[in-house]
C-alpha atoms as a PDB file:
ATOM      1  CA  GLN A   1      12.258  14.630 -18.400  1.00  0.00           C
ATOM      2  CA  VAL A   2      12.134  14.151 -14.644  1.00  0.00           C
ATOM      3  CA  GLN A   3      15.138  13.118 -12.571  1.00  0.00           C
ATOM      4  CA  LEU A   4      14.805  11.522  -9.155  1.00  0.00           C
ATOM      5  CA  VAL A   5      17.652  11.036  -6.688  1.00  0.00           C
ATOM      6  CA  GLU A   6      17.167   9.157  -3.428  1.00  0.00           C
ATOM      7  CA  SER A   7      19.267   9.579  -0.299  1.00  0.00           C
ATOM      8  CA  GLY A   8      19.202   8.688   3.368  1.00  0.00           C
ATOM      9  CA  GLY A   9      19.629   4.949   3.237  1.00  0.00           C
ATOM     10  CA  GLY A  10      21.940   3.127   5.592  1.00  0.00           C
ATOM     11  CA  LEU A  11      22.293   0.567   8.344  1.00  0.00           C
ATOM     12  CA  VAL A  12      19.943   0.659  11.317  1.00  0.00           C
ATOM     13  CA  GLN A  13      19.089  -1.729  14.132  1.00  0.00           C
ATOM     14  CA  ALA A  14      15.686  -3.342  14.320  1.00  0.00           C
ATOM     15  CA  GLY A  15      13.290  -1.021  16.076  1.00  0.00           C
ATOM     16  CA  GLY A  16      15.158   2.027  14.878  1.00  0.00           C
ATOM     17  CA  SER A  17      14.231   4.783  12.456  1.00  0.00           C
ATOM     18  CA  LEU A  18      15.478   6.096   9.158  1.00  0.00           C
ATOM     19  CA  ARG A  19      14.372   8.932   6.922  1.00  0.00           C
ATOM     20  CA  LEU A  20      14.692   8.656   3.163  1.00  0.00           C
ATOM     21  CA  SER A  21      14.548  11.631   0.857  1.00  0.00           C
ATOM     22  CA  CYS A  22      14.009  11.980  -2.875  1.00  0.00           C
ATOM     23  CA  ALA A  23      15.009  15.116  -4.752  1.00  0.00           C
ATOM     24  CA  VAL A  24      13.134  15.719  -7.984  1.00  0.00           C
ATOM     25  CA  SER A  25      14.223  17.925 -10.857  1.00  0.00           C
ATOM     26  CA  GLY A  26      12.797  18.554 -14.277  1.00  0.00           C
ATOM     27  CA  ARG A  27       9.167  19.209 -15.005  1.00  0.00           C
ATOM     28  CA  THR A  28       6.730  20.641 -12.506  1.00  0.00           C
ATOM     29  CA  PHE A  29       7.031  18.520  -9.389  1.00  0.00           C
ATOM     30  CA  SER A  30       3.590  19.323  -8.066  1.00  0.00           C
ATOM     31  CA  ARG A  31       1.949  17.724 -11.111  1.00  0.00           C
ATOM     32  CA  TYR A  32       3.083  14.277 -10.010  1.00  0.00           C
ATOM     33  CA  ALA A  33       1.898  11.897  -7.387  1.00  0.00           C
ATOM     34  CA  MET A  34       4.971  10.453  -5.704  1.00  0.00           C
ATOM     35  CA  GLY A  35       5.529   6.932  -4.529  1.00  0.00           C
ATOM     36  CA  TRP A  36       8.050   4.748  -2.759  1.00  0.00           C
ATOM     37  CA  PHE A  37       8.766   1.149  -3.670  1.00  0.00           C
ATOM     38  CA  ARG A  38      11.267  -1.367  -2.361  1.00  0.00           C
ATOM     39  CA  GLN A  39      13.024  -4.453  -3.597  1.00  0.00           C
ATOM     40  CA  ALA A  40      14.679  -7.046  -1.410  1.00  0.00           C
ATOM     41  CA  PRO A  41      17.214  -9.529  -2.825  1.00  0.00           C
ATOM     42  CA  GLY A  42      15.494 -12.265  -4.794  1.00  0.00           C
ATOM     43  CA  LYS A  43      12.108 -10.595  -4.571  1.00  0.00           C
ATOM     44  CA  GLU A  44      10.020  -8.459  -6.858  1.00  0.00           C
ATOM     45  CA  ARG A  45       9.819  -4.721  -6.403  1.00  0.00           C
ATOM     46  CA  GLU A  46       6.853  -3.885  -4.215  1.00  0.00           C
ATOM     47  CA  PHE A  47       4.783  -0.848  -3.443  1.00  0.00           C
ATOM     48  CA  VAL A  48       5.322   0.955  -0.145  1.00  0.00           C
ATOM     49  CA  ALA A  49       3.471   4.274  -0.185  1.00  0.00           C
ATOM     50  CA  ILE A  50       2.119   7.042  -2.397  1.00  0.00           C
ATOM     51  CA  ILE A  51       1.223  10.677  -1.798  1.00  0.00           C
ATOM     52  CA  ASN A  52      -0.966  12.831  -4.008  1.00  0.00           C
ATOM     53  CA  TRP A  53       0.148  16.001  -5.763  1.00  0.00           C
ATOM     54  CA  SER A  54      -0.784  18.343  -2.940  1.00  0.00           C
ATOM     55  CA  GLY A  55       0.473  16.159  -0.104  1.00  0.00           C
ATOM     56  CA  GLY A  56      -2.958  16.054   1.440  1.00  0.00           C
ATOM     57  CA  SER A  57      -3.676  12.372   0.901  1.00  0.00           C
ATOM     58  CA  THR A  58      -1.647   9.210   1.203  1.00  0.00           C
ATOM     59  CA  TYR A  59      -1.962   5.459   0.755  1.00  0.00           C
ATOM     60  CA  TYR A  60       0.216   2.739   2.274  1.00  0.00           C
ATOM     61  CA  ALA A  61       0.939  -0.913   1.879  1.00  0.00           C
ATOM     62  CA  ASP A  62      -0.474  -2.897   4.788  1.00  0.00           C
ATOM     63  CA  SER A  63       3.009  -4.059   5.728  1.00  0.00           C
ATOM     64  CA  VAL A  64       4.162  -0.520   6.597  1.00  0.00           C
ATOM     65  CA  LYS A  65       0.936   1.143   7.686  1.00  0.00           C
ATOM     66  CA  GLY A  66       1.353   2.819  11.065  1.00  0.00           C
ATOM     67  CA  ARG A  67       5.151   2.658  10.895  1.00  0.00           C
ATOM     68  CA  PHE A  68       6.043   4.607   7.752  1.00  0.00           C
ATOM     69  CA  THR A  69       4.995   8.122   6.786  1.00  0.00           C
ATOM     70  CA  ILE A  70       5.294   9.644   3.329  1.00  0.00           C
ATOM     71  CA  SER A  71       5.406  13.412   2.934  1.00  0.00           C
ATOM     72  CA  ARG A  72       6.343  15.989   0.322  1.00  0.00           C
ATOM     73  CA  ASP A  73       7.515  19.562   0.102  1.00  0.00           C
ATOM     74  CA  ASN A  74       6.455  21.085  -3.200  1.00  0.00           C
ATOM     75  CA  ALA A  75       8.480  24.227  -2.535  1.00  0.00           C
ATOM     76  CA  LYS A  76      11.670  22.152  -2.302  1.00  0.00           C
ATOM     77  CA  ASN A  77      10.737  19.474  -4.850  1.00  0.00           C
ATOM     78  CA  THR A  78      11.310  16.696  -2.382  1.00  0.00           C
ATOM     79  CA  VAL A  79       9.444  13.683  -1.070  1.00  0.00           C
ATOM     80  CA  ALA A  80      10.376  11.867   2.104  1.00  0.00           C
ATOM     81  CA  LEU A  81       9.701   8.515   3.707  1.00  0.00           C
ATOM     82  CA  GLN A  82       9.976   8.418   7.485  1.00  0.00           C
ATOM     83  CA  MET A  83      10.453   4.838   8.594  1.00  0.00           C
ATOM     84  CA  ASN A  84       9.959   3.950  12.256  1.00  0.00           C
ATOM     85  CA  SER A  85       9.979   0.655  14.137  1.00  0.00           C
ATOM     86  CA  LEU A  86      12.034  -0.905  11.387  1.00  0.00           C
ATOM     87  CA  LYS A  87      12.070  -4.667  11.047  1.00  0.00           C
ATOM     88  CA  PRO A  88      14.627  -6.935   9.348  1.00  0.00           C
ATOM     89  CA  GLU A  89      12.045  -7.620   6.648  1.00  0.00           C
ATOM     90  CA  ASP A  90      12.067  -3.912   5.748  1.00  0.00           C
ATOM     91  CA  ALA A  91      15.611  -4.265   4.433  1.00  0.00           C
ATOM     92  CA  ALA A  92      15.669  -3.537   0.717  1.00  0.00           C
ATOM     93  CA  VAL A  93      16.659  -1.059  -1.923  1.00  0.00           C
ATOM     94  CA  TYR A  94      14.112   1.755  -1.754  1.00  0.00           C
ATOM     95  CA  TYR A  95      13.055   3.548  -4.910  1.00  0.00           C
ATOM     96  CA  CYS A  96      11.315   6.848  -5.406  1.00  0.00           C
ATOM     97  CA  ALA A  97       8.873   7.080  -8.319  1.00  0.00           C
ATOM     98  CA  ALA A  98       6.769   9.757  -9.990  1.00  0.00           C
ATOM     99  CA  LYS A  99       3.345   9.195 -11.441  1.00  0.00           C
ATOM    100  CA  ALA A 100       1.744  11.612 -13.894  1.00  0.00           C
ATOM    101  CA  GLY A 101      -1.989  11.906 -14.405  1.00  0.00           C
ATOM    102  CA  GLY A 102      -4.928  12.468 -12.110  1.00  0.00           C
ATOM    103  CA  ALA A 103      -5.640   9.024 -10.712  1.00  0.00           C
ATOM    104  CA  TRP A 104      -3.280   8.176  -7.896  1.00  0.00           C
ATOM    105  CA  TYR A 105      -5.054   6.427  -5.019  1.00  0.00           C
ATOM    106  CA  ALA A 106      -3.949   2.828  -4.462  1.00  0.00           C
ATOM    107  CA  ARG A 107      -1.800   2.875  -7.583  1.00  0.00           C
ATOM    108  CA  THR A 108       0.558   0.084  -6.602  1.00  0.00           C
ATOM    109  CA  ARG A 109       1.744  -1.344  -9.909  1.00  0.00           C
ATOM    110  CA  LEU A 110       5.202  -0.464 -11.207  1.00  0.00           C
ATOM    111  CA  GLU A 111       3.989   0.150 -14.741  1.00  0.00           C
ATOM    112  CA  GLU A 112       1.711   2.954 -13.534  1.00  0.00           C
ATOM    113  CA  TYR A 113       4.705   5.118 -12.693  1.00  0.00           C
ATOM    114  CA  ASP A 114       6.522   7.235 -15.221  1.00  0.00           C
ATOM    115  CA  TYR A 115       9.901   8.023 -13.658  1.00  0.00           C
ATOM    116  CA  TRP A 116      12.171   6.206 -11.232  1.00  0.00           C
ATOM    117  CA  GLY A 117      15.220   6.945  -9.146  1.00  0.00           C
ATOM    118  CA  GLN A 118      18.257   4.716  -8.811  1.00  0.00           C
ATOM    119  CA  GLY A 119      17.434   3.562  -5.312  1.00  0.00           C
ATOM    120  CA  THR A 120      18.990   3.744  -1.868  1.00  0.00           C
ATOM    121  CA  GLN A 121      19.930   0.742   0.264  1.00  0.00           C
ATOM    122  CA  VAL A 122      18.307   0.187   3.659  1.00  0.00           C
ATOM    123  CA  THR A 123      19.787  -2.511   5.870  1.00  0.00           C
ATOM    124  CA  VAL A 124      18.140  -3.524   9.137  1.00  0.00           C
ATOM    125  CA  SER A 125      20.128  -5.604  11.595  1.00  0.00           C
ATOM    126  CA  SER A 126      18.365  -7.889  14.040  1.00  0.00           C
END
């Protein structure tokens, strides 16, 4: 079993930055590609970003490309999401997710992920 715990959410003004972190425990962290999703009130959960097992490759949703950066530290079993130039439409609950298996690039569907965290709230004021 793999446990994921997100942290770092909060309230930020539009144009500001926030860094989310996800701590992973359980089975070998480096075997998983790691992703971030978000869900705004009344909307479906949507893909944000994914990073491969080594941290050498990433893939982003068009809506966050150039503003958000996903990274991981396999020595510390953590994955982070640096969010810059935040917009009110970025406000959501952000979820960390782990995906087993080799194929990872552009894996944006929820059902492709094996483990999920409980989420952390990000609020962006205009």
